[in-house]
């Protein structure tokens, strides 16, 4: 299983709802075993300035690639990229079932 985790921050706090709506498009993906988007609750002084977390579980690299090739993914990018500040992504193989 591949775990896909992405952190986002927003350039302007007034755009938080727009970023969230753009990210929520991704929840409709048919390629993930599990997928969710959430607002970061941790805003302490030593944490990165993260506003949103995207978390997905994919059966394998082919499923993750299909997710990234889906037009839904590009529509989300088009909506979010112009108004986000930071994007940090990580994908890793998990032994958990």
Protein backbone atom coordinates (compact mmCIF):
# COMPACT_ATOMS: atom_id res chain seq x y z
CA UNK A 1 0.00 0.00 0.00
CA UNK A 2 1.15 3.54 -0.79
CA UNK A 3 0.36 6.31 1.66
CA UNK A 4 0.13 9.78 0.11
CA UNK A 5 0.34 12.79 2.44
CA UNK A 6 0.33 16.43 1.32
CA UNK A 7 0.50 19.57 3.45
CA UNK A 8 -0.79 22.92 2.19
CA UNK A 9 -0.67 26.45 3.49
CA UNK A 10 -2.69 29.36 2.17
CA UNK A 11 -1.16 32.66 0.98
CA UNK A 12 -4.06 34.73 2.27
CA UNK A 13 -6.21 33.54 5.15
CA UNK A 14 -9.27 34.83 3.34
CA UNK A 15 -8.71 32.10 0.72
CA UNK A 16 -8.87 29.17 3.18
CA UNK A 17 -12.39 28.17 2.15
CA UNK A 18 -11.50 28.33 -1.55
CA UNK A 19 -8.44 26.13 -1.00
CA UNK A 20 -10.48 23.68 1.04
CA UNK A 21 -13.14 23.46 -1.68
CA UNK A 22 -10.45 22.91 -4.32
CA UNK A 23 -8.88 20.12 -2.28
CA UNK A 24 -12.24 18.51 -1.51
CA UNK A 25 -12.65 17.82 -5.23
CA UNK A 26 -10.01 15.13 -4.77
CA UNK A 27 -12.17 13.15 -2.35
CA UNK A 28 -14.21 11.91 -5.33
CA UNK A 29 -11.24 9.93 -6.65
CA UNK A 30 -12.10 6.34 -7.51
CA UNK A 31 -8.41 5.36 -7.31
CA UNK A 32 -7.88 5.51 -3.54
CA UNK A 33 -8.71 2.87 -0.93
CA UNK A 34 -9.13 5.69 1.58
CA UNK A 35 -8.98 9.45 1.11
CA UNK A 36 -9.60 12.50 3.29
CA UNK A 37 -8.86 16.21 3.58
CA UNK A 38 -8.70 18.04 6.89
CA UNK A 39 -7.78 21.37 8.43
CA UNK A 40 -4.62 21.28 10.51
CA UNK A 41 -5.38 21.69 14.20
CA UNK A 42 -1.74 22.06 15.26
CA UNK A 43 -0.64 25.70 15.04
CA UNK A 44 2.04 25.85 17.70
CA UNK A 45 5.13 28.05 17.40
CA UNK A 46 7.46 25.28 16.16
CA UNK A 47 5.18 23.69 13.56
CA UNK A 48 5.31 24.48 9.88
CA UNK A 49 2.56 26.87 8.76
CA UNK A 50 0.25 24.13 7.50
CA UNK A 51 -3.43 24.86 6.95
CA UNK A 52 -4.61 21.62 5.31
CA UNK A 53 -3.61 17.97 5.16
CA UNK A 54 -4.51 15.63 2.31
CA UNK A 55 -4.19 11.93 3.14
CA UNK A 56 -4.76 9.02 0.80
CA UNK A 57 -4.11 5.29 0.73
CA UNK A 58 -3.54 3.64 -2.64
CA UNK A 59 -3.27 -0.05 -3.43
CA UNK A 60 -0.03 0.38 -5.34
CA UNK A 61 2.02 2.80 -7.44
CA UNK A 62 -0.26 2.23 -10.44
CA UNK A 63 -3.30 3.39 -8.44
CA UNK A 64 -1.41 6.48 -7.23
CA UNK A 65 -0.34 7.23 -10.82
CA UNK A 66 -3.96 6.84 -12.01
CA UNK A 67 -5.07 9.31 -9.31
CA UNK A 68 -2.48 11.85 -10.46
CA UNK A 69 -3.47 11.34 -14.13
CA UNK A 70 -7.19 11.79 -13.44
CA UNK A 71 -8.66 15.07 -14.78
CA UNK A 72 -10.09 15.66 -11.30
CA UNK A 73 -6.54 15.98 -9.98
CA UNK A 74 -5.72 18.66 -12.57
CA UNK A 75 -8.92 20.59 -11.81
CA UNK A 76 -7.94 20.64 -8.14
CA UNK A 77 -4.44 21.87 -9.02
CA UNK A 78 -5.91 24.62 -11.20
CA UNK A 79 -8.16 25.77 -8.34
CA UNK A 80 -5.60 25.56 -5.51
CA UNK A 81 -2.16 26.36 -6.92
CA UNK A 82 -2.75 30.10 -7.53
CA UNK A 83 -3.87 30.71 -3.94
CA UNK A 84 -1.70 28.35 -1.92
CA UNK A 85 1.64 29.24 -0.38
CA UNK A 86 3.25 25.93 0.48
CA UNK A 87 2.83 22.37 -0.73
CA UNK A 88 4.85 19.53 0.76
CA UNK A 89 4.09 16.00 -0.48
CA UNK A 90 5.34 12.58 0.53
CA UNK A 91 4.51 9.10 -0.73
CA UNK A 92 5.75 5.96 0.99
CA UNK A 93 5.20 2.23 0.96
CA UNK A 94 3.44 1.04 4.10
CA UNK A 95 3.55 -2.50 5.39
CA UNK A 96 0.26 -1.93 7.22
CA UNK A 97 -2.74 -3.62 5.68
